[in-house]
Amino acid sequence: MASKNRDDSDGMQREPERKGVTRRSFLRHLGAAGIAAAALPAGAKSEEMKADEKAKDLMTTVAGSIPVTLVINKKKHSLKLDARTTLLDCLRENLQITGTKKGCDHGQCGACTVHVNGRRINSCLTLAVMHDGDEITTIEGLGQPDNLHPMQQAFVDCDAYQCGYCTSGQIMSATALLSEPCGHSVNDIREAMSGNICRCGAYPNIIAAIQQVRAKS
């Protein structure tokens, strides 16, 4: 029986002929397409590509992006946000203001505490679009390394942190407590700070820091 493979004149054995698309022909066409794309002038795009991009932009708008202006740490930010974006995700993902931490994302740990119009809230439980024009303060707006807020300084003085992940939320909550009706006993402070969890267990030092500031105010 004659062999299915024929020999070339140089003695090399040819690959069997196949119908349809072979691995070799697929790679050859793929390489040619890549070279053609690379040869296009910079910025040149087919009409089809432009149409696709325009459709994507339109879909982004139609999907529910809402214009909103947030005043964060006295700075105005004009944004277009998905209506479902939480204030926490807006701060961290859209604006890269990352001092506010994402802990449980269910309003149970207090790591995401910020001030809105002077009152403390869990930023993971509220939508950013609900705070158009509101005054929002994060830990970055409370004080800076060269000009610490008294509560920040008290946390340093009293060693009121360990891993530090919950610290920004603890400080924001403790600062808001200064203007809230709260008794001066340890139990009163514990109750007022019960929404902020410290997994390292630095509670006695946190209470000491709060008492230090309250004693001076």
C-alpha atoms as a PDB file:
ATOM      1  CA  MET A   1       0.000   0.000   0.000  1.00  0.00           C
ATOM      2  CA  ALA A   2       1.287   3.395  -0.920  1.00  0.00           C
ATOM      3  CA  SER A   3       2.269   5.648   1.957  1.00  0.00           C
ATOM      4  CA  LYS A   4      -0.138   8.480   2.749  1.00  0.00           C
ATOM      5  CA  ASN A   5       2.803  10.869   3.136  1.00  0.00           C
ATOM      6  CA  ARG A   6       4.736  11.918   0.081  1.00  0.00           C
ATOM      7  CA  ASP A   7       8.417  12.895   0.177  1.00  0.00           C
ATOM      8  CA  ASP A   8       9.571  16.333  -0.999  1.00  0.00           C
ATOM      9  CA  SER A   9      12.404  16.574  -3.454  1.00  0.00           C
ATOM     10  CA  ASP A  10      14.772  17.423  -0.579  1.00  0.00           C
ATOM     11  CA  GLY A  11      13.874  14.250   1.251  1.00  0.00           C
ATOM     12  CA  MET A  12      11.797  15.905   3.998  1.00  0.00           C
ATOM     13  CA  GLN A  13       8.507  14.246   4.786  1.00  0.00           C
ATOM     14  CA  ARG A  14       5.452  16.378   4.209  1.00  0.00           C
ATOM     15  CA  GLU A  15       2.649  16.791   6.737  1.00  0.00           C
ATOM     16  CA  PRO A  16      -0.468  14.888   5.705  1.00  0.00           C
ATOM     17  CA  GLU A  17      -2.951  16.982   3.817  1.00  0.00           C
ATOM     18  CA  ARG A  18      -6.054  17.852   5.882  1.00  0.00           C
ATOM     19  CA  LYS A  19      -9.291  19.468   5.011  1.00  0.00           C
ATOM     20  CA  GLY A  20     -10.489  22.542   6.864  1.00  0.00           C
ATOM     21  CA  VAL A  21      -8.447  24.597   9.310  1.00  0.00           C
ATOM     22  CA  THR A  22      -5.245  23.052  10.586  1.00  0.00           C
ATOM     23  CA  ARG A  23      -3.160  24.172  13.545  1.00  0.00           C
ATOM     24  CA  ARG A  24      -0.476  25.459  11.183  1.00  0.00           C
ATOM     25  CA  SER A  25      -2.894  27.430   8.986  1.00  0.00           C
ATOM     26  CA  PHE A  26      -4.614  28.900  12.039  1.00  0.00           C
ATOM     27  CA  LEU A  27      -1.309  30.164  13.469  1.00  0.00           C
ATOM     28  CA  ARG A  28      -0.274  31.499  10.059  1.00  0.00           C
ATOM     29  CA  HIS A  29      -3.479  33.533   9.729  1.00  0.00           C
ATOM     30  CA  LEU A  30      -3.268  34.690  13.337  1.00  0.00           C
ATOM     31  CA  GLY A  31       0.285  35.942  12.783  1.00  0.00           C
ATOM     32  CA  ALA A  32      -0.717  37.769   9.629  1.00  0.00           C
ATOM     33  CA  ALA A  33      -3.577  39.480  11.445  1.00  0.00           C
ATOM     34  CA  GLY A  34      -1.253  40.588  14.213  1.00  0.00           C
ATOM     35  CA  ILE A  35       1.228  42.067  11.766  1.00  0.00           C
ATOM     36  CA  ALA A  36      -1.541  43.900   9.931  1.00  0.00           C
ATOM     37  CA  ALA A  37      -2.847  45.374  13.178  1.00  0.00           C
ATOM     38  CA  ALA A  38       0.619  46.505  14.189  1.00  0.00           C
ATOM     39  CA  ALA A  39       1.102  48.190  10.844  1.00  0.00           C
ATOM     40  CA  LEU A  40      -1.887  50.502  11.327  1.00  0.00           C
ATOM     41  CA  PRO A  41      -1.013  54.133  11.999  1.00  0.00           C
ATOM     42  CA  ALA A  42      -1.148  55.203  15.631  1.00  0.00           C
ATOM     43  CA  GLY A  43      -4.717  56.025  16.624  1.00  0.00           C
ATOM     44  CA  ALA A  44      -6.204  54.449  13.488  1.00  0.00           C
ATOM     45  CA  LYS A  45      -9.289  52.352  14.223  1.00  0.00           C
ATOM     46  CA  SER A  46     -11.831  50.698  12.017  1.00  0.00           C
ATOM     47  CA  GLU A  47     -15.341  52.104  11.915  1.00  0.00           C
ATOM     48  CA  GLU A  48     -16.539  48.881  13.510  1.00  0.00           C
ATOM     49  CA  MET A  49     -14.190  49.313  16.467  1.00  0.00           C
ATOM     50  CA  LYS A  50     -15.289  52.919  16.927  1.00  0.00           C
ATOM     51  CA  ALA A  51     -18.923  51.872  16.852  1.00  0.00           C
ATOM     52  CA  ASP A  52     -18.281  49.181  19.468  1.00  0.00           C
ATOM     53  CA  GLU A  53     -16.577  51.653  21.793  1.00  0.00           C
ATOM     54  CA  LYS A  54     -19.377  54.172  21.344  1.00  0.00           C
ATOM     55  CA  ALA A  55     -21.905  51.492  22.207  1.00  0.00           C
ATOM     56  CA  LYS A  56     -19.982  50.586  25.345  1.00  0.00           C
ATOM     57  CA  ASP A  57     -19.892  54.228  26.443  1.00  0.00           C
ATOM     58  CA  LEU A  58     -23.614  54.491  25.839  1.00  0.00           C
ATOM     59  CA  MET A  59     -24.248  51.329  27.830  1.00  0.00           C
ATOM     60  CA  THR A  60     -22.225  52.741  30.741  1.00  0.00           C
ATOM     61  CA  THR A  61     -24.426  55.833  30.761  1.00  0.00           C
ATOM     62  CA  VAL A  62     -27.658  53.907  30.338  1.00  0.00           C
ATOM     63  CA  ALA A  63     -26.641  51.506  33.115  1.00  0.00           C
ATOM     64  CA  GLY A  64     -27.470  54.181  35.664  1.00  0.00           C
ATOM     65  CA  SER A  65     -24.483  56.472  36.201  1.00  0.00           C
ATOM     66  CA  ILE A  66     -25.647  59.414  38.282  1.00  0.00           C
ATOM     67  CA  PRO A  67     -23.849  62.762  38.577  1.00  0.00           C
ATOM     68  CA  VAL A  68     -23.062  63.570  42.203  1.00  0.00           C
ATOM     69  CA  THR A  69     -20.945  66.158  43.987  1.00  0.00           C
ATOM     70  CA  LEU A  70     -19.313  65.068  47.225  1.00  0.00           C
ATOM     71  CA  VAL A  71     -17.532  67.480  49.542  1.00  0.00           C
ATOM     72  CA  ILE A  72     -14.851  65.356  51.183  1.00  0.00           C
ATOM     73  CA  ASN A  73     -12.413  66.886  53.651  1.00  0.00           C
ATOM     74  CA  LYS A  74     -13.471  70.329  52.375  1.00  0.00           C
ATOM     75  CA  LYS A  75     -12.631  69.419  48.782  1.00  0.00           C
ATOM     76  CA  LYS A  76     -15.346  69.164  46.128  1.00  0.00           C
ATOM     77  CA  HIS A  77     -15.450  66.071  43.909  1.00  0.00           C
ATOM     78  CA  SER A  78     -17.771  65.900  40.882  1.00  0.00           C
ATOM     79  CA  LEU A  79     -18.383  62.278  39.919  1.00  0.00           C
ATOM     80  CA  LYS A  80     -20.593  59.998  37.847  1.00  0.00           C
ATOM     81  CA  LEU A  81     -21.349  56.913  39.881  1.00  0.00           C
ATOM     82  CA  ASP A  82     -23.291  53.712  39.603  1.00  0.00           C
ATOM     83  CA  ALA A  83     -26.339  54.273  41.792  1.00  0.00           C
ATOM     84  CA  ARG A  84     -25.395  51.172  43.802  1.00  0.00           C
ATOM     85  CA  THR A  85     -21.936  52.431  44.832  1.00  0.00           C
ATOM     86  CA  THR A  86     -21.576  52.698  48.590  1.00  0.00           C
ATOM     87  CA  LEU A  87     -19.916  55.719  50.109  1.00  0.00           C
ATOM     88  CA  LEU A  88     -17.138  53.434  51.340  1.00  0.00           C
ATOM     89  CA  ASP A  89     -16.404  52.043  47.874  1.00  0.00           C
ATOM     90  CA  CYS A  90     -16.589  55.519  46.372  1.00  0.00           C
ATOM     91  CA  LEU A  91     -13.965  56.766  48.833  1.00  0.00           C
ATOM     92  CA  ARG A  92     -11.623  53.834  48.376  1.00  0.00           C
ATOM     93  CA  GLU A  93     -12.126  52.785  44.749  1.00  0.00           C
ATOM     94  CA  ASN A  94     -13.178  55.964  42.935  1.00  0.00           C
ATOM     95  CA  LEU A  95     -11.234  58.579  44.895  1.00  0.00           C
ATOM     96  CA  GLN A  96      -8.382  56.492  46.399  1.00  0.00           C
ATOM     97  CA  ILE A  97      -9.051  57.955  49.851  1.00  0.00           C
ATOM     98  CA  THR A  98      -8.047  54.763  51.614  1.00  0.00           C
ATOM     99  CA  GLY A  99      -7.743  55.783  55.263  1.00  0.00           C
ATOM    100  CA  THR A 100     -11.331  54.592  55.689  1.00  0.00           C
ATOM    101  CA  LYS A 101     -11.129  50.798  55.925  1.00  0.00           C
ATOM    102  CA  LYS A 102     -13.401  48.056  54.668  1.00  0.00           C
ATOM    103  CA  GLY A 103     -13.811  45.490  57.414  1.00  0.00           C
ATOM    104  CA  CYS A 104     -17.017  43.463  57.487  1.00  0.00           C
ATOM    105  CA  ASP A 105     -18.848  45.497  54.797  1.00  0.00           C
ATOM    106  CA  HIS A 106     -22.049  44.839  56.786  1.00  0.00           C
ATOM    107  CA  GLY A 107     -22.054  47.681  59.316  1.00  0.00           C
ATOM    108  CA  GLN A 108     -20.937  45.445  62.174  1.00  0.00           C
ATOM    109  CA  CYS A 109     -17.293  46.397  62.822  1.00  0.00           C
ATOM    110  CA  GLY A 110     -17.130  50.196  62.481  1.00  0.00           C
ATOM    111  CA  ALA A 111     -13.832  50.221  60.561  1.00  0.00           C
ATOM    112  CA  CYS A 112     -15.476  52.343  57.842  1.00  0.00           C
ATOM    113  CA  THR A 113     -16.740  55.102  60.174  1.00  0.00           C
ATOM    114  CA  VAL A 114     -16.727  58.612  58.701  1.00  0.00           C
ATOM    115  CA  HIS A 115     -18.477  61.868  59.599  1.00  0.00           C
ATOM    116  CA  VAL A 116     -21.312  63.187  57.452  1.00  0.00           C
ATOM    117  CA  ASN A 117     -22.394  66.690  58.408  1.00  0.00           C
ATOM    118  CA  GLY A 118     -20.691  66.170  61.754  1.00  0.00           C
ATOM    119  CA  ARG A 119     -22.337  62.862  62.615  1.00  0.00           C
ATOM    120  CA  ARG A 120     -20.646  59.473  62.529  1.00  0.00           C
ATOM    121  CA  ILE A 121     -21.972  56.827  60.149  1.00  0.00           C
ATOM    122  CA  ASN A 122     -20.876  53.488  58.725  1.00  0.00           C
ATOM    123  CA  SER A 123     -19.938  54.358  55.159  1.00  0.00           C
ATOM    124  CA  CYS A 124     -20.494  50.774  53.995  1.00  0.00           C
ATOM    125  CA  LEU A 125     -24.225  51.049  54.749  1.00  0.00           C
ATOM    126  CA  THR A 126     -25.019  54.180  52.750  1.00  0.00           C
ATOM    127  CA  LEU A 127     -24.995  54.969  49.050  1.00  0.00           C
ATOM    128  CA  ALA A 128     -22.695  57.697  47.791  1.00  0.00           C
ATOM    129  CA  VAL A 129     -25.440  59.306  45.701  1.00  0.00           C
ATOM    130  CA  MET A 130     -27.437  59.937  48.883  1.00  0.00           C
ATOM    131  CA  HIS A 131     -24.826  62.448  50.047  1.00  0.00           C
ATOM    132  CA  ASP A 132     -24.790  64.924  47.193  1.00  0.00           C
ATOM    133  CA  GLY A 133     -23.512  68.203  48.669  1.00  0.00           C
ATOM    134  CA  ASP A 134     -22.993  66.788  52.171  1.00  0.00           C
ATOM    135  CA  GLU A 135     -19.880  67.589  54.204  1.00  0.00           C
ATOM    136  CA  ILE A 136     -17.952  64.340  54.558  1.00  0.00           C
ATOM    137  CA  THR A 137     -14.888  63.974  56.773  1.00  0.00           C
ATOM    138  CA  THR A 138     -12.542  60.998  56.736  1.00  0.00           C
ATOM    139  CA  ILE A 139      -9.510  60.285  58.895  1.00  0.00           C
ATOM    140  CA  GLU A 140      -7.383  62.177  56.334  1.00  0.00           C
ATOM    141  CA  GLY A 141      -9.406  65.326  56.979  1.00  0.00           C
ATOM    142  CA  LEU A 142      -9.245  65.034  60.755  1.00  0.00           C
ATOM    143  CA  GLY A 143      -5.536  65.700  61.058  1.00  0.00           C
ATOM    144  CA  GLN A 144      -2.164  65.229  59.424  1.00  0.00           C
ATOM    145  CA  PRO A 145       1.098  63.764  60.789  1.00  0.00           C
ATOM    146  CA  ASP A 146       2.481  67.244  61.444  1.00  0.00           C
ATOM    147  CA  ASN A 147      -0.812  68.531  62.850  1.00  0.00           C
ATOM    148  CA  LEU A 148      -2.664  65.736  64.652  1.00  0.00           C
ATOM    149  CA  HIS A 149      -6.165  66.082  65.997  1.00  0.00           C
ATOM    150  CA  PRO A 150      -6.162  65.786  69.836  1.00  0.00           C
ATOM    151  CA  MET A 151      -7.868  62.378  69.565  1.00  0.00           C
ATOM    152  CA  GLN A 152      -5.221  61.128  67.161  1.00  0.00           C
ATOM    153  CA  GLN A 153      -2.519  62.343  69.512  1.00  0.00           C
ATOM    154  CA  ALA A 154      -4.245  60.654  72.461  1.00  0.00           C
ATOM    155  CA  PHE A 155      -4.317  57.336  70.593  1.00  0.00           C
ATOM    156  CA  VAL A 156      -0.552  57.666  70.104  1.00  0.00           C
ATOM    157  CA  ASP A 157       0.036  58.688  73.735  1.00  0.00           C
ATOM    158  CA  CYS A 158      -2.066  55.842  75.124  1.00  0.00           C
ATOM    159  CA  ASP A 159      -0.876  53.210  72.640  1.00  0.00           C
ATOM    160  CA  ALA A 160      -4.521  52.668  71.700  1.00  0.00           C
ATOM    161  CA  TYR A 161      -3.910  50.440  68.695  1.00  0.00           C
ATOM    162  CA  GLN A 162      -2.107  47.245  67.735  1.00  0.00           C
ATOM    163  CA  CYS A 163      -2.533  46.085  64.138  1.00  0.00           C
ATOM    164  CA  GLY A 164      -4.072  49.480  63.328  1.00  0.00           C
ATOM    165  CA  TYR A 165      -6.725  48.266  60.894  1.00  0.00           C
ATOM    166  CA  CYS A 166      -9.653  49.473  62.996  1.00  0.00           C
ATOM    167  CA  THR A 167      -7.863  52.591  64.252  1.00  0.00           C
ATOM    168  CA  SER A 168      -9.194  55.119  61.738  1.00  0.00           C
ATOM    169  CA  GLY A 169     -12.768  54.033  62.452  1.00  0.00           C
ATOM    170  CA  GLN A 170     -12.128  54.047  66.205  1.00  0.00           C
ATOM    171  CA  ILE A 171     -10.730  57.595  66.059  1.00  0.00           C
ATOM    172  CA  MET A 172     -13.566  58.897  63.879  1.00  0.00           C
ATOM    173  CA  SER A 173     -16.129  57.382  66.227  1.00  0.00           C
ATOM    174  CA  ALA A 174     -14.322  58.635  69.338  1.00  0.00           C
ATOM    175  CA  THR A 175     -14.092  62.152  67.885  1.00  0.00           C
ATOM    176  CA  ALA A 176     -17.817  62.211  67.148  1.00  0.00           C
ATOM    177  CA  LEU A 177     -18.471  61.029  70.703  1.00  0.00           C
ATOM    178  CA  LEU A 178     -17.004  64.305  72.017  1.00  0.00           C
ATOM    179  CA  SER A 179     -20.067  66.197  70.786  1.00  0.00           C
ATOM    180  CA  GLU A 180     -22.604  63.532  71.728  1.00  0.00           C
ATOM    181  CA  PRO A 181     -24.486  63.103  75.025  1.00  0.00           C
ATOM    182  CA  CYS A 182     -22.291  60.513  76.696  1.00  0.00           C
ATOM    183  CA  GLY A 183     -21.548  59.954  80.375  1.00  0.00           C
ATOM    184  CA  HIS A 184     -17.978  60.015  81.662  1.00  0.00           C
ATOM    185  CA  SER A 185     -17.813  56.554  83.188  1.00  0.00           C
ATOM    186  CA  VAL A 186     -15.941  53.700  81.539  1.00  0.00           C
ATOM    187  CA  ASN A 187     -19.219  51.872  80.929  1.00  0.00           C
ATOM    188  CA  ASP A 188     -20.718  54.952  79.253  1.00  0.00           C
ATOM    189  CA  ILE A 189     -17.777  55.171  76.868  1.00  0.00           C
ATOM    190  CA  ARG A 190     -17.883  51.452  76.189  1.00  0.00           C
ATOM    191  CA  GLU A 191     -21.558  51.699  75.260  1.00  0.00           C
ATOM    192  CA  ALA A 192     -20.961  54.701  73.004  1.00  0.00           C
ATOM    193  CA  MET A 193     -18.063  52.922  71.261  1.00  0.00           C
ATOM    194  CA  SER A 194     -19.739  49.515  71.055  1.00  0.00           C
ATOM    195  CA  GLY A 195     -20.187  49.794  67.291  1.00  0.00           C
ATOM    196  CA  ASN A 196     -16.419  49.755  66.764  1.00  0.00           C
ATOM    197  CA  ILE A 197     -14.695  46.399  67.116  1.00  0.00           C
ATOM    198  CA  CYS A 198     -10.982  45.970  67.843  1.00  0.00           C
ATOM    199  CA  ARG A 199      -9.980  42.414  67.052  1.00  0.00           C
ATOM    200  CA  CYS A 200      -6.664  42.955  68.852  1.00  0.00           C
ATOM    201  CA  GLY A 201      -8.476  43.866  72.080  1.00  0.00           C
ATOM    202  CA  ALA A 202      -6.983  47.330  72.689  1.00  0.00           C
ATOM    203  CA  TYR A 203     -10.197  48.524  74.360  1.00  0.00           C
ATOM    204  CA  PRO A 204      -8.702  49.707  77.708  1.00  0.00           C
ATOM    205  CA  ASN A 205      -6.198  51.907  75.854  1.00  0.00           C
ATOM    206  CA  ILE A 206      -8.882  53.242  73.508  1.00  0.00           C
ATOM    207  CA  ILE A 207     -11.003  54.237  76.497  1.00  0.00           C
ATOM    208  CA  ALA A 208      -7.953  55.832  78.133  1.00  0.00           C
ATOM    209  CA  ALA A 209      -7.344  57.908  74.991  1.00  0.00           C
ATOM    210  CA  ILE A 210     -10.957  59.104  74.935  1.00  0.00           C
ATOM    211  CA  GLN A 211     -10.833  59.986  78.626  1.00  0.00           C
ATOM    212  CA  GLN A 212      -7.599  61.929  78.099  1.00  0.00           C
ATOM    213  CA  VAL A 213      -9.222  64.130  75.436  1.00  0.00           C
ATOM    214  CA  ARG A 214     -12.467  64.570  77.346  1.00  0.00           C
ATOM    215  CA  ALA A 215     -10.556  65.626  80.457  1.00  0.00           C
ATOM    216  CA  LYS A 216      -8.951  68.461  78.479  1.00  0.00           C
ATOM    217  CA  SER A 217     -12.109  69.617  76.703  1.00  0.00           C
END
